Amino acid sequence: MTKTSRSDWGRLAQQHDKDIDTSDIPVLSDDFFRNAELRLPTKQSVTIRVDSDVLAWFKEQGAGYQTRINQLLRQYMQAHKPPL
């Protein structure tokens, strides 16, 4: 985060769940969950050429480097999508 949070995290940590006002959240019925579908983007295996130092840097970060590369590419894609 680039901005300092103004939230009172200490007070929030001391708050009990029963004290949280959830009146503005609609109750989801069993029917909703019965019909719900989890949709994840499909993955496609590709071969791309990247500079060896770039790949080495990602691999140095540990397991999941391909997922991190994908996340960065997704962020770039979303940042450069034309407005609706």
Protein backbone atom coordinates (compact mmCIF):
# COMPACT_ATOMS: atom_id res chain seq x y z
CA MET A 1 0.00 0.00 0.00
CA THR A 2 1.26 3.44 -0.81
CA LYS A 3 -1.05 5.32 1.54
CA THR A 4 -1.06 5.03 5.32
CA SER A 5 -4.24 3.43 6.60
CA ARG A 6 -6.39 5.60 8.84
CA SER A 7 -8.22 2.56 10.20
CA ASP A 8 -8.06 1.93 13.93
CA TRP A 9 -6.79 -1.64 13.58
CA GLY A 10 -6.28 -2.03 17.35
CA ARG A 11 -9.93 -1.23 18.07
CA LEU A 12 -11.03 -3.51 15.24
CA ALA A 13 -8.92 -6.41 16.57
CA GLN A 14 -10.64 -6.08 19.96
CA GLN A 15 -14.14 -6.08 18.45
CA HIS A 16 -16.19 -9.28 18.74
CA ASP A 17 -17.91 -10.75 15.69
CA LYS A 18 -21.34 -10.28 17.33
CA ASP A 19 -20.70 -6.53 17.49
CA ILE A 20 -20.23 -6.15 13.72
CA ASP A 21 -23.25 -4.66 11.94
CA THR A 22 -24.02 -6.91 8.96
CA SER A 23 -27.59 -5.65 8.43
CA ASP A 24 -26.72 -4.30 4.97
CA ILE A 25 -25.51 -7.69 3.70
CA PRO A 26 -28.24 -9.78 2.03
CA VAL A 27 -28.77 -13.30 3.34
CA LEU A 28 -27.94 -15.90 0.70
CA SER A 29 -30.34 -18.81 0.52
CA ASP A 30 -29.49 -22.48 0.22
CA ASP A 31 -30.81 -22.24 -3.35
CA PHE A 32 -28.11 -19.68 -4.15
CA PHE A 33 -25.35 -22.05 -3.01
CA ARG A 34 -26.98 -25.06 -4.68
CA ASN A 35 -26.83 -23.25 -8.04
CA ALA A 36 -23.49 -21.48 -7.55
CA GLU A 37 -20.63 -22.30 -9.91
CA LEU A 38 -16.96 -21.62 -9.36
CA ARG A 39 -15.44 -20.33 -12.58
CA LEU A 40 -11.68 -20.07 -12.78
CA PRO A 41 -9.84 -18.86 -15.85
CA THR A 42 -8.48 -21.78 -17.82
CA LYS A 43 -4.73 -22.06 -18.12
CA GLN A 44 -2.92 -22.72 -21.35
CA SER A 45 0.62 -23.99 -21.56
CA VAL A 46 2.83 -21.81 -23.77
CA THR A 47 6.47 -21.38 -24.56
CA ILE A 48 7.82 -17.84 -24.41
CA ARG A 49 11.31 -16.41 -24.51
CA VAL A 50 12.35 -14.22 -21.60
CA ASP A 51 15.76 -12.90 -20.64
CA SER A 52 17.63 -15.39 -18.50
CA ASP A 53 18.21 -12.89 -15.68
CA VAL A 54 14.47 -12.12 -15.56
CA LEU A 55 13.58 -15.79 -15.28
CA ALA A 56 16.32 -16.37 -12.70
CA TRP A 57 14.98 -13.49 -10.61
CA PHE A 58 11.45 -14.93 -10.61
CA LYS A 59 12.73 -18.40 -9.75
CA GLU A 60 14.78 -16.97 -6.86
CA GLN A 61 11.51 -15.83 -5.30
CA GLY A 62 10.62 -19.48 -4.74
CA ALA A 63 7.78 -21.79 -5.68
CA GLY A 64 4.92 -20.22 -7.59
CA TYR A 65 7.06 -18.08 -9.88
CA GLN A 66 4.89 -18.94 -12.89
CA THR A 67 1.79 -17.83 -11.00
CA ARG A 68 3.49 -14.55 -10.11
CA ILE A 69 4.45 -13.98 -13.74
CA ASN A 70 0.83 -14.66 -14.73
CA GLN A 71 -0.43 -12.19 -12.09
CA LEU A 72 1.88 -9.48 -13.41
CA LEU A 73 0.79 -10.11 -16.98
CA ARG A 74 -2.87 -9.95 -15.88
CA GLN A 75 -2.30 -6.64 -14.09
CA TYR A 76 -0.63 -5.24 -17.21
CA MET A 77 -3.50 -6.49 -19.38
CA GLN A 78 -6.14 -4.94 -17.12
CA ALA A 79 -4.27 -1.64 -16.92
CA HIS A 80 -4.15 -1.42 -20.71
CA LYS A 81 -7.70 -2.51 -21.56
CA PRO A 82 -9.65 0.15 -23.43
CA PRO A 83 -12.41 1.78 -21.35
CA LEU A 84 -15.89 0.33 -21.78
